[in-house]
Amino acid sequence: MSRVLRPGAYLALLLPTAVAAVVTSLFAPDQTYRRWMRLIAVKQGAARRGPRVGTRGRLLGHAVASVFVGLVGWVLLAMIGLMIARGALYGVVDRGPYDNAWGGPSRAGAWLTHFAISVPIAAVAVVLVVGVANLHLRMTRPLHGEAMPRWTVPVVLVMCGAASLFLVGWVQQI
């Protein structure tokens, strides 16, 4: 269970940590670095040790990129919440009538249909949460002087673009 909860907590805290890091990276780089290490401890269960490597510019660049990754994480966490509220708990949050609902016209049919659709979507979102958290951990490697895999930056760019398109499409359907 902690394999899912830790990455979820990590992504929930990533956006506020990144926003704070954008502000503090230029004025207090050591404090910013310690903040990143505390966040990594949320995901890995132990604080990471090692000297801070890099300049204020590297910390600022990492913080800005982390804001976008944090936004993607929040979209995924919101999707999981939505799948629970509108899928698993459909009969509780929607009192009917169910004439035009998927699985209607009965409440039981609509609830079962929404539940059956939401479970696989939520499962995929949970897998994506774990993947995005691990991807961000790979992004933090240069802060320790380790090499970041070359594929990390293109994957982050594609992921942020895809999340933006998804969010725009989702909002415009309303």
C-alpha atoms as a PDB file:
ATOM      1  CA  MET A   1       0.000   0.000   0.000  1.00  0.00           C
ATOM      2  CA  SER A   2       2.870   2.380   0.712  1.00  0.00           C
ATOM      3  CA  ARG A   3       4.043   1.841  -2.885  1.00  0.00           C
ATOM      4  CA  VAL A   4       0.970   3.813  -3.920  1.00  0.00           C
ATOM      5  CA  LEU A   5       0.500   6.174  -0.970  1.00  0.00           C
ATOM      6  CA  ARG A   6       4.071   7.485  -0.891  1.00  0.00           C
ATOM      7  CA  PRO A   7       4.104   8.533  -4.574  1.00  0.00           C
ATOM      8  CA  GLY A   8       0.640  10.060  -4.119  1.00  0.00           C
ATOM      9  CA  ALA A   9       1.788  12.080  -1.123  1.00  0.00           C
ATOM     10  CA  TYR A  10       4.966  12.998  -3.006  1.00  0.00           C
ATOM     11  CA  LEU A  11       2.993  14.385  -5.953  1.00  0.00           C
ATOM     12  CA  ALA A  12       0.525  16.157  -3.673  1.00  0.00           C
ATOM     13  CA  LEU A  13       3.421  17.992  -2.017  1.00  0.00           C
ATOM     14  CA  LEU A  14       5.451  18.509  -5.203  1.00  0.00           C
ATOM     15  CA  LEU A  15       3.585  21.531  -6.563  1.00  0.00           C
ATOM     16  CA  PRO A  16       3.659  23.642  -3.362  1.00  0.00           C
ATOM     17  CA  THR A  17       7.293  22.668  -2.786  1.00  0.00           C
ATOM     18  CA  ALA A  18       8.201  23.625  -6.349  1.00  0.00           C
ATOM     19  CA  VAL A  19       6.416  26.971  -6.149  1.00  0.00           C
ATOM     20  CA  ALA A  20       8.249  27.764  -2.917  1.00  0.00           C
ATOM     21  CA  ALA A  21      11.516  26.630  -4.496  1.00  0.00           C
ATOM     22  CA  VAL A  22      11.055  29.011  -7.436  1.00  0.00           C
ATOM     23  CA  VAL A  23      10.921  31.870  -4.967  1.00  0.00           C
ATOM     24  CA  THR A  24      13.677  30.725  -2.607  1.00  0.00           C
ATOM     25  CA  SER A  25      16.177  29.212  -5.058  1.00  0.00           C
ATOM     26  CA  LEU A  26      17.761  32.558  -5.839  1.00  0.00           C
ATOM     27  CA  PHE A  27      17.883  33.882  -2.276  1.00  0.00           C
ATOM     28  CA  ALA A  28      18.350  30.788  -0.119  1.00  0.00           C
ATOM     29  CA  PRO A  29      19.722  27.918  -2.242  1.00  0.00           C
ATOM     30  CA  ASP A  30      20.755  25.775   0.729  1.00  0.00           C
ATOM     31  CA  GLN A  31      17.269  26.009   2.237  1.00  0.00           C
ATOM     32  CA  THR A  32      15.780  25.129  -1.158  1.00  0.00           C
ATOM     33  CA  TYR A  33      18.038  22.100  -1.453  1.00  0.00           C
ATOM     34  CA  ARG A  34      17.051  20.904   2.030  1.00  0.00           C
ATOM     35  CA  ARG A  35      13.376  21.346   1.085  1.00  0.00           C
ATOM     36  CA  TRP A  36      13.892  19.084  -1.947  1.00  0.00           C
ATOM     37  CA  MET A  37      15.619  16.482   0.215  1.00  0.00           C
ATOM     38  CA  ARG A  38      12.700  16.454   2.689  1.00  0.00           C
ATOM     39  CA  LEU A  39      10.312  15.927  -0.216  1.00  0.00           C
ATOM     40  CA  ILE A  40      12.407  13.039  -1.529  1.00  0.00           C
ATOM     41  CA  ALA A  41      12.246  11.502   1.938  1.00  0.00           C
ATOM     42  CA  VAL A  42       8.443  11.431   1.608  1.00  0.00           C
ATOM     43  CA  LYS A  43       8.791   9.212  -1.476  1.00  0.00           C
ATOM     44  CA  GLN A  44      11.729   7.055  -0.453  1.00  0.00           C
ATOM     45  CA  GLY A  45      11.136   6.835   3.266  1.00  0.00           C
ATOM     46  CA  ALA A  46      14.624   8.093   4.128  1.00  0.00           C
ATOM     47  CA  ALA A  47      16.397  11.370   3.704  1.00  0.00           C
ATOM     48  CA  ARG A  48      18.944  11.545   0.934  1.00  0.00           C
ATOM     49  CA  ARG A  49      22.436  12.458   1.987  1.00  0.00           C
ATOM     50  CA  GLY A  50      25.055  14.192  -0.045  1.00  0.00           C
ATOM     51  CA  PRO A  51      26.367  17.612  -0.886  1.00  0.00           C
ATOM     52  CA  ARG A  52      24.376  20.061  -2.943  1.00  0.00           C
ATOM     53  CA  VAL A  53      25.797  20.291  -6.431  1.00  0.00           C
ATOM     54  CA  GLY A  54      25.003  23.046  -8.850  1.00  0.00           C
ATOM     55  CA  THR A  55      24.251  26.676  -9.018  1.00  0.00           C
ATOM     56  CA  ARG A  56      21.282  28.810  -8.141  1.00  0.00           C
ATOM     57  CA  GLY A  57      20.335  28.670 -11.804  1.00  0.00           C
ATOM     58  CA  ARG A  58      20.206  24.864 -11.712  1.00  0.00           C
ATOM     59  CA  LEU A  59      17.993  24.991  -8.629  1.00  0.00           C
ATOM     60  CA  LEU A  60      15.732  27.553 -10.296  1.00  0.00           C
ATOM     61  CA  GLY A  61      15.503  25.498 -13.505  1.00  0.00           C
ATOM     62  CA  HIS A  62      14.689  22.390 -11.515  1.00  0.00           C
ATOM     63  CA  ALA A  63      12.041  24.267  -9.544  1.00  0.00           C
ATOM     64  CA  VAL A  64      10.351  25.625 -12.680  1.00  0.00           C
ATOM     65  CA  ALA A  65      10.327  22.182 -14.320  1.00  0.00           C
ATOM     66  CA  SER A  66       9.003  20.719 -11.069  1.00  0.00           C
ATOM     67  CA  VAL A  67       6.073  23.143 -11.099  1.00  0.00           C
ATOM     68  CA  PHE A  68       4.937  21.641 -14.401  1.00  0.00           C
ATOM     69  CA  VAL A  69       5.489  18.065 -13.217  1.00  0.00           C
ATOM     70  CA  GLY A  70       3.593  18.937 -10.022  1.00  0.00           C
ATOM     71  CA  LEU A  71       0.674  20.227 -12.084  1.00  0.00           C
ATOM     72  CA  VAL A  72       0.591  16.936 -13.994  1.00  0.00           C
ATOM     73  CA  GLY A  73       0.612  15.109 -10.659  1.00  0.00           C
ATOM     74  CA  TRP A  74      -2.302  17.156  -9.376  1.00  0.00           C
ATOM     75  CA  VAL A  75      -4.274  16.415 -12.557  1.00  0.00           C
ATOM     76  CA  LEU A  76      -3.711  12.697 -11.988  1.00  0.00           C
ATOM     77  CA  LEU A  77      -4.662  12.902  -8.311  1.00  0.00           C
ATOM     78  CA  ALA A  78      -7.796  14.865  -9.226  1.00  0.00           C
ATOM     79  CA  MET A  79      -8.646  12.197 -11.793  1.00  0.00           C
ATOM     80  CA  ILE A  80      -8.389   9.503  -9.136  1.00  0.00           C
ATOM     81  CA  GLY A  81     -10.632  11.536  -6.824  1.00  0.00           C
ATOM     82  CA  LEU A  82     -13.117  12.033  -9.631  1.00  0.00           C
ATOM     83  CA  MET A  83     -13.151   8.330 -10.450  1.00  0.00           C
ATOM     84  CA  ILE A  84     -13.892   7.542  -6.822  1.00  0.00           C
ATOM     85  CA  ALA A  85     -16.597  10.201  -6.473  1.00  0.00           C
ATOM     86  CA  ARG A  86     -18.320   9.769  -9.826  1.00  0.00           C
ATOM     87  CA  GLY A  87     -17.585   6.066 -10.300  1.00  0.00           C
ATOM     88  CA  ALA A  88     -17.386   4.008  -7.166  1.00  0.00           C
ATOM     89  CA  LEU A  89     -19.728   6.329  -5.244  1.00  0.00           C
ATOM     90  CA  TYR A  90     -22.001   7.221  -8.179  1.00  0.00           C
ATOM     91  CA  GLY A  91     -25.244   6.212  -6.484  1.00  0.00           C
ATOM     92  CA  VAL A  92     -24.384   8.342  -3.464  1.00  0.00           C
ATOM     93  CA  VAL A  93     -23.413  11.543  -5.294  1.00  0.00           C
ATOM     94  CA  ASP A  94     -26.097  11.362  -8.004  1.00  0.00           C
ATOM     95  CA  ARG A  95     -29.620  10.834  -6.675  1.00  0.00           C
ATOM     96  CA  GLY A  96     -31.182  10.393 -10.117  1.00  0.00           C
ATOM     97  CA  PRO A  97     -33.245  10.158 -12.209  1.00  0.00           C
ATOM     98  CA  TYR A  98     -31.140   7.639 -14.132  1.00  0.00           C
ATOM     99  CA  ASP A  99     -33.117   7.553 -17.393  1.00  0.00           C
ATOM    100  CA  ASN A 100     -30.230   8.964 -19.455  1.00  0.00           C
ATOM    101  CA  ALA A 101     -27.363   7.651 -17.291  1.00  0.00           C
ATOM    102  CA  TRP A 102     -24.982   4.960 -18.470  1.00  0.00           C
ATOM    103  CA  GLY A 103     -26.487   1.692 -17.289  1.00  0.00           C
ATOM    104  CA  GLY A 104     -29.832   3.313 -16.485  1.00  0.00           C
ATOM    105  CA  PRO A 105     -32.733   3.535 -16.041  1.00  0.00           C
ATOM    106  CA  SER A 106     -32.255   1.767 -12.690  1.00  0.00           C
ATOM    107  CA  ARG A 107     -30.023   3.105  -9.939  1.00  0.00           C
ATOM    108  CA  ALA A 108     -28.266  -0.250  -9.528  1.00  0.00           C
ATOM    109  CA  GLY A 109     -27.491  -0.508 -13.244  1.00  0.00           C
ATOM    110  CA  ALA A 110     -26.170   3.043 -13.442  1.00  0.00           C
ATOM    111  CA  TRP A 111     -24.058   2.577 -10.328  1.00  0.00           C
ATOM    112  CA  LEU A 112     -22.608  -0.734 -11.547  1.00  0.00           C
ATOM    113  CA  THR A 113     -21.805   0.679 -14.978  1.00  0.00           C
ATOM    114  CA  HIS A 114     -20.081   3.773 -13.566  1.00  0.00           C
ATOM    115  CA  PHE A 115     -18.161   1.599 -11.104  1.00  0.00           C
ATOM    116  CA  ALA A 116     -17.034  -0.787 -13.858  1.00  0.00           C
ATOM    117  CA  ILE A 117     -15.800   2.097 -16.008  1.00  0.00           C
ATOM    118  CA  SER A 118     -14.078   4.010 -13.211  1.00  0.00           C
ATOM    119  CA  VAL A 119     -12.035   1.163 -11.725  1.00  0.00           C
ATOM    120  CA  PRO A 120      -9.738   0.612 -14.745  1.00  0.00           C
ATOM    121  CA  ILE A 121      -9.336   4.357 -15.292  1.00  0.00           C
ATOM    122  CA  ALA A 122      -8.398   4.872 -11.634  1.00  0.00           C
ATOM    123  CA  ALA A 123      -5.974   1.929 -11.805  1.00  0.00           C
ATOM    124  CA  VAL A 124      -4.216   3.466 -14.819  1.00  0.00           C
ATOM    125  CA  ALA A 125      -4.091   6.831 -13.024  1.00  0.00           C
ATOM    126  CA  VAL A 126      -2.486   5.185  -9.971  1.00  0.00           C
ATOM    127  CA  VAL A 127       0.169   3.595 -12.191  1.00  0.00           C
ATOM    128  CA  LEU A 128       0.777   6.999 -13.795  1.00  0.00           C
ATOM    129  CA  VAL A 129       1.110   8.630 -10.349  1.00  0.00           C
ATOM    130  CA  VAL A 130       3.857   6.171  -9.445  1.00  0.00           C
ATOM    131  CA  GLY A 131       5.542   6.750 -12.805  1.00  0.00           C
ATOM    132  CA  VAL A 132       5.420  10.549 -12.570  1.00  0.00           C
ATOM    133  CA  ALA A 133       6.824  10.458  -9.023  1.00  0.00           C
ATOM    134  CA  ASN A 134       9.691   8.214 -10.158  1.00  0.00           C
ATOM    135  CA  LEU A 135      10.292  10.459 -13.164  1.00  0.00           C
ATOM    136  CA  HIS A 136      10.614  13.489 -10.899  1.00  0.00           C
ATOM    137  CA  LEU A 137      13.075  11.624  -8.702  1.00  0.00           C
ATOM    138  CA  ARG A 138      15.210  11.078 -11.809  1.00  0.00           C
ATOM    139  CA  MET A 139      14.985  14.817 -12.439  1.00  0.00           C
ATOM    140  CA  THR A 140      16.527  15.528  -9.028  1.00  0.00           C
ATOM    141  CA  ARG A 141      19.695  13.533  -9.741  1.00  0.00           C
ATOM    142  CA  PRO A 142      21.702  16.522 -11.052  1.00  0.00           C
ATOM    143  CA  LEU A 143      21.173  18.252  -7.694  1.00  0.00           C
ATOM    144  CA  HIS A 144      23.371  15.518  -6.179  1.00  0.00           C
ATOM    145  CA  GLY A 145      25.925  15.466  -8.959  1.00  0.00           C
ATOM    146  CA  GLU A 146      24.509  12.296 -10.503  1.00  0.00           C
ATOM    147  CA  ALA A 147      23.731  11.946 -14.175  1.00  0.00           C
ATOM    148  CA  MET A 148      20.125  12.316 -15.265  1.00  0.00           C
ATOM    149  CA  PRO A 149      19.020   9.869 -17.959  1.00  0.00           C
ATOM    150  CA  ARG A 150      18.910  11.546 -21.375  1.00  0.00           C
ATOM    151  CA  TRP A 151      15.318  10.516 -21.968  1.00  0.00           C
ATOM    152  CA  THR A 152      14.042  12.356 -18.891  1.00  0.00           C
ATOM    153  CA  VAL A 153      13.675  15.839 -20.386  1.00  0.00           C
ATOM    154  CA  PRO A 154      11.870  14.735 -23.586  1.00  0.00           C
ATOM    155  CA  VAL A 155       9.524  12.540 -21.556  1.00  0.00           C
ATOM    156  CA  VAL A 156       8.737  15.432 -19.191  1.00  0.00           C
ATOM    157  CA  LEU A 157       8.023  17.733 -22.144  1.00  0.00           C
ATOM    158  CA  VAL A 158       5.741  15.187 -23.851  1.00  0.00           C
ATOM    159  CA  MET A 159       4.011  14.398 -20.549  1.00  0.00           C
ATOM    160  CA  CYS A 160       3.326  18.066 -19.795  1.00  0.00           C
ATOM    161  CA  GLY A 161       2.060  18.650 -23.329  1.00  0.00           C
ATOM    162  CA  ALA A 162      -0.221  15.616 -23.182  1.00  0.00           C
ATOM    163  CA  ALA A 163      -1.561  16.648 -19.768  1.00  0.00           C
ATOM    164  CA  SER A 164      -2.239  20.147 -21.084  1.00  0.00           C
ATOM    165  CA  LEU A 165      -4.157  18.797 -24.077  1.00  0.00           C
ATOM    166  CA  PHE A 166      -6.105  16.432 -21.830  1.00  0.00           C
ATOM    167  CA  LEU A 167      -7.009  19.210 -19.422  1.00  0.00           C
ATOM    168  CA  VAL A 168      -8.085  21.593 -22.195  1.00  0.00           C
ATOM    169  CA  GLY A 169     -10.190  18.848 -23.780  1.00  0.00           C
ATOM    170  CA  TRP A 170     -11.738  17.943 -20.444  1.00  0.00           C
ATOM    171  CA  VAL A 171     -12.652  21.537 -19.623  1.00  0.00           C
ATOM    172  CA  GLN A 172     -14.109  22.223 -23.062  1.00  0.00           C
ATOM    173  CA  GLN A 173     -16.428  19.228 -22.923  1.00  0.00           C
ATOM    174  CA  ILE A 174     -18.497  20.853 -20.170  1.00  0.00           C
END
